[in-house]
Protein backbone atom coordinates (compact mmCIF):
# COMPACT_ATOMS: atom_id res chain seq x y z
CA MET A 1 -161.02 70.39 156.50
CA SER A 2 -159.34 73.03 154.37
CA THR A 3 -156.46 74.69 155.20
CA GLU A 4 -157.03 77.44 152.53
CA PHE A 5 -157.19 80.88 154.32
CA GLU A 6 -160.96 82.34 154.29
CA ARG A 7 -161.48 86.26 154.88
CA PRO A 8 -164.49 85.82 157.74
CA GLY A 9 -166.28 89.00 156.08
CA ASP A 10 -165.97 87.43 152.29
CA VAL A 11 -167.74 84.27 153.43
CA LEU A 12 -170.43 86.08 155.68
CA GLU A 13 -171.05 88.23 152.52
CA ALA A 14 -171.43 85.12 150.35
CA PHE A 15 -173.62 83.31 152.72
CA ALA A 16 -175.58 86.57 153.18
CA LYS A 17 -175.78 86.55 149.29
CA ARG A 18 -177.16 82.81 149.30
CA LEU A 19 -179.69 83.49 151.90
CA THR A 20 -181.30 86.56 149.84
CA ASP A 21 -181.23 85.15 146.68
CA ALA A 22 -182.97 82.30 148.34
CA ALA A 23 -185.27 85.13 149.69
CA ASP A 24 -186.00 86.29 146.34
CA LEU A 25 -187.03 83.09 144.88
CA ALA A 26 -189.70 82.75 148.05
CA GLY A 27 -191.01 86.26 147.24
CA LEU A 28 -189.43 87.50 150.57
CA PRO A 29 -188.08 91.25 150.89
CA HIS A 30 -185.15 91.51 152.33
CA LEU A 31 -182.48 94.20 153.80
CA SER A 32 -179.59 94.91 155.80
CA ALA A 33 -179.77 95.32 159.76
CA GLU A 34 -176.35 96.22 160.69
CA ALA A 35 -177.47 98.10 163.72
CA ILE A 36 -178.33 94.46 165.55
CA VAL A 37 -174.30 93.45 165.31
CA SER A 38 -172.62 96.57 166.93
CA GLY A 39 -171.41 96.60 170.50
CA ASP A 40 -174.31 98.79 171.96
CA PHE A 41 -177.72 98.24 173.23
CA ARG A 42 -180.48 100.47 171.32
CA GLY A 43 -179.99 104.14 172.36
CA GLY A 44 -177.15 103.01 174.38
CA ALA A 45 -174.54 104.43 171.69
CA GLY A 46 -171.30 105.57 173.09
CA SER A 47 -172.49 105.41 176.76
CA GLY A 48 -170.26 102.46 177.81
CA VAL A 49 -172.91 101.57 179.98
CA ALA A 50 -175.68 100.32 177.74
CA SER A 51 -172.90 98.12 175.88
CA ILE A 52 -171.10 94.68 175.51
CA THR A 53 -167.25 94.83 175.54
CA ALA A 54 -165.68 93.68 172.47
CA SER A 55 -164.08 90.50 174.22
CA ASP A 56 -167.62 89.18 175.09
CA LEU A 57 -168.76 89.69 171.37
CA PRO A 58 -167.93 87.68 167.89
CA ALA A 59 -165.23 89.30 165.91
CA ALA A 60 -167.29 89.09 162.70
CA GLY A 61 -171.10 89.31 162.38
CA MET A 62 -173.76 90.48 159.65
CA GLY A 63 -177.40 91.66 160.41
CA LEU A 64 -180.19 90.76 158.13
CA LYS A 65 -183.96 90.94 157.72
CA ILE A 66 -185.79 88.49 155.69
CA GLY A 67 -189.80 88.89 155.79
CA ARG A 68 -190.69 88.74 159.40
CA TYR A 69 -187.41 87.42 160.20
CA THR A 70 -184.31 88.84 161.95
CA LEU A 71 -181.01 87.18 161.42
CA VAL A 72 -177.79 87.32 162.94
CA LEU A 73 -175.10 85.77 160.70
CA GLY A 74 -171.83 84.55 161.91
CA LEU A 75 -168.85 82.10 161.82
CA LEU A 76 -167.86 78.75 163.84
CA PRO A 77 -164.32 78.30 164.40
CA ASP A 78 -162.11 76.21 162.31
CA THR A 79 -161.53 73.59 165.07
CA SER A 80 -163.93 71.38 166.19
CA ASN A 81 -162.84 71.65 169.56
CA LEU A 82 -166.09 71.87 172.16
CA ASN A 83 -164.61 74.79 174.39
CA ALA A 84 -163.70 77.01 171.15
CA ILE A 85 -167.28 76.35 169.74
CA ARG A 86 -168.99 77.43 173.13
CA GLU A 87 -166.90 80.37 173.18
CA ALA A 88 -167.92 81.41 169.84
CA VAL A 89 -171.39 80.75 170.37
CA ARG A 90 -171.46 82.36 173.78
CA ARG A 91 -170.05 85.45 172.26
CA TYR A 92 -172.89 85.21 169.18
CA ARG A 93 -175.75 84.73 171.94
CA ASN A 94 -174.28 87.88 173.64
CA GLN A 95 -174.79 89.64 170.19
CA CYS A 96 -178.44 88.35 169.84
CA VAL A 97 -178.88 89.81 173.13
CA ILE A 98 -178.24 93.36 171.81
CA ALA A 99 -179.99 92.28 168.52
CA ARG A 100 -183.30 92.03 170.55
CA SER A 101 -182.97 95.41 172.00
CA TYR A 102 -183.60 96.51 168.71
CA LEU A 103 -186.75 94.64 168.17
CA SER A 104 -190.24 94.68 169.00
CA PRO A 105 -191.66 91.71 171.46
CA ASN A 106 -193.06 89.84 168.56
CA GLU A 107 -189.96 90.61 166.08
CA ALA A 108 -187.64 89.12 168.86
CA LEU A 109 -189.50 85.98 168.73
CA ASP A 110 -188.35 84.92 165.25
CA LEU A 111 -184.87 86.33 165.80
CA GLN A 112 -182.37 83.64 164.44
CA LEU A 113 -178.70 83.19 164.47
CA LEU A 114 -177.05 81.26 161.59
CA LEU A 115 -173.70 79.81 161.84
CA VAL A 116 -171.68 78.77 159.06
CA GLY A 117 -169.11 76.14 159.75
CA PRO A 118 -165.53 76.10 158.06
CA VAL A 119 -165.01 73.98 154.75
CA GLY A 120 -164.78 70.37 155.39
CA SER A 121 -166.98 70.58 158.32
CA GLU A 122 -170.43 68.61 157.05
CA ASP A 123 -167.73 65.43 156.47
CA SER A 124 -166.49 65.22 160.06
CA PRO A 125 -168.64 63.09 162.72
CA ASP A 126 -167.18 65.89 165.41
CA TRP A 127 -168.82 68.60 163.60
CA LYS A 128 -172.25 67.12 163.17
CA ALA A 129 -172.30 66.52 167.15
CA ALA A 130 -171.10 69.71 167.81
CA ALA A 131 -173.93 71.22 165.63
CA LEU A 132 -176.76 69.11 166.94
CA MET A 133 -175.50 70.55 170.61
CA VAL A 134 -175.89 74.02 169.35
CA GLU A 135 -178.96 73.72 167.30
CA ARG A 136 -180.76 72.56 170.85
CA ASP A 137 -179.57 75.53 172.75
CA ASP A 138 -182.61 77.79 171.86
CA ARG A 139 -181.45 80.66 174.76
CA VAL A 140 -182.12 84.06 173.42
CA ALA A 141 -182.64 82.72 169.42
CA ARG A 142 -182.93 79.75 167.67
CA LYS A 143 -179.85 78.67 166.05
CA LEU A 144 -179.17 76.97 162.64
CA ILE A 145 -175.80 75.67 161.50
CA TRP A 146 -174.39 75.28 157.82
CA LEU A 147 -171.60 72.67 158.09
CA ARG A 148 -170.11 73.32 154.71
CA PRO A 149 -168.78 70.58 152.42
CA GLY A 150 -164.98 70.21 151.48
CA ASP A 151 -165.73 69.50 147.80
CA PRO A 152 -166.98 72.95 145.72
CA VAL A 153 -168.72 70.73 143.85
CA ASN A 154 -170.90 69.72 146.73
CA VAL A 155 -171.85 73.36 148.16
CA ALA A 156 -175.14 73.91 146.20
CA THR A 157 -176.65 70.90 147.39
CA SER A 158 -175.48 71.31 150.80
CA PHE A 159 -176.91 74.90 151.07
CA ALA A 160 -179.99 73.64 149.53
CA GLU A 161 -180.20 71.05 152.65
CA PHE A 162 -179.41 73.92 155.03
CA LEU A 163 -182.47 75.83 153.60
CA GLY A 164 -184.54 73.04 153.86
CA ARG A 165 -184.42 72.90 157.45
CA SER A 166 -184.97 76.65 157.77
CA PHE A 167 -187.63 79.16 157.45
CA LEU A 168 -186.53 79.63 153.56
CA ALA A 169 -187.41 76.13 153.07
CA ARG A 170 -190.12 75.61 149.83
CA PRO A 171 -191.36 72.20 149.87
CA TRP A 172 -194.50 72.93 147.44
CA VAL A 173 -191.83 73.56 144.59
CA VAL A 174 -190.62 70.00 144.70
CA ALA A 175 -193.85 68.46 142.72
CA ASP A 176 -197.49 69.58 141.79
CA ALA A 177 -198.33 66.48 143.96
CA LEU A 178 -201.40 68.78 145.68
CA ASP A 179 -203.63 69.58 143.00
CA PRO A 180 -205.31 72.88 143.87
CA ALA A 181 -208.52 71.60 143.17
CA LEU A 182 -208.15 69.57 146.25
CA LEU A 183 -207.09 72.66 148.28
CA ASP A 184 -210.08 74.01 147.79
CA GLU A 185 -211.90 71.63 148.97
CA LEU A 186 -210.07 71.93 152.36
CA ASN A 187 -213.33 74.23 153.03
CA SER A 188 -216.10 72.33 151.78
CA LYS A 189 -214.94 69.21 153.75
CA ASP A 190 -217.30 68.72 156.83
CA GLY A 191 -214.95 69.13 159.47
CA GLY A 192 -216.33 70.55 162.47
CA GLY A 193 -215.86 73.71 161.09
CA THR A 194 -212.17 73.52 160.14
CA GLY A 195 -212.73 71.99 156.74
CA VAL A 196 -210.64 69.10 157.52
CA PRO A 197 -212.08 65.52 158.55
CA ARG A 198 -211.43 64.58 162.20
CA ASN A 199 -209.07 61.52 161.11
CA THR A 200 -206.99 63.78 159.08
CA ALA A 201 -206.43 66.13 161.24
CA GLU A 202 -205.20 63.57 164.00
CA ALA A 203 -203.12 61.92 160.80
CA TRP A 204 -201.57 65.33 160.24
CA GLU A 205 -200.83 65.73 164.18
CA ALA A 206 -198.97 62.35 164.71
CA ILE A 207 -197.11 63.48 161.55
CA ALA A 208 -195.91 66.97 163.06
CA LEU A 209 -194.74 64.96 166.32
CA ARG A 210 -192.95 62.61 164.54
CA GLU A 211 -188.62 63.03 164.84
CA GLU A 212 -188.50 62.80 160.96
CA GLU A 213 -184.92 64.04 159.41
CA ASP A 214 -186.06 64.29 155.90
CA PRO A 215 -188.39 67.24 155.36
CA MET A 216 -189.59 65.89 152.14
CA ARG A 217 -190.79 62.16 153.59
CA THR A 218 -192.99 65.07 156.30
CA VAL A 219 -194.53 66.54 153.02
CA ASN A 220 -195.04 63.12 151.57
CA LEU A 221 -196.78 61.73 154.71
CA VAL A 222 -199.08 64.72 154.75
CA ILE A 223 -199.94 64.32 151.04
CA GLU A 224 -200.94 60.46 151.87
CA ALA A 225 -203.09 61.41 154.77
CA TRP A 226 -204.99 63.72 152.91
CA ALA A 227 -205.41 61.55 149.98
CA LYS A 228 -206.89 59.09 152.40
CA ARG A 229 -209.31 61.81 154.11
CA GLY A 230 -212.52 60.65 155.58
CA ALA A 231 -211.56 56.93 155.19
CA ALA A 232 -212.96 54.82 158.15
């Protein structure tokens, strides 16, 4: 794990820049949403009642909107100690409670908490286990963690893998595996009004239920199922 000091604000700004660059590539609009990382619930500024104390909120955070998604960005502690991680996540979860007060019910469904691990955390089994624990907790908001590598050379690849697990994933860019003409056929095939043969739909459902860690493997399975459409 790197011992070089990083300013939390600099790390979050760099993280936000990577996310907005990815949003630009995906053609998604984005804007700052700093109100959601304040200590006050919507309409409660200065009241003291409609707020959460600073000791129960994270020391650093950023708010961002990309497309229909509202994001709270945050940092995990430098240590992989589970108690420290749980405390950090608890504070960010409180921040998400405040964020939800600024959102409509539908917008709240797309609230996500994106957290950054320390440099070198990607290479640590303890950090990987901790990240999995945090991501499985979907209370208040969905959570996704980028564990950063120790070698700067691997940062771009590591972040791309992180994006591949997020709503900013763009599997259609990988290859022209699906001919546009084949996609057009979706609406012309006899599939009970859906345009998709029953056996193909069943295959896609089975693929969706798989616990597949490789997103591209999932994409390839979907393509293969479509290629075999209508076969007995």
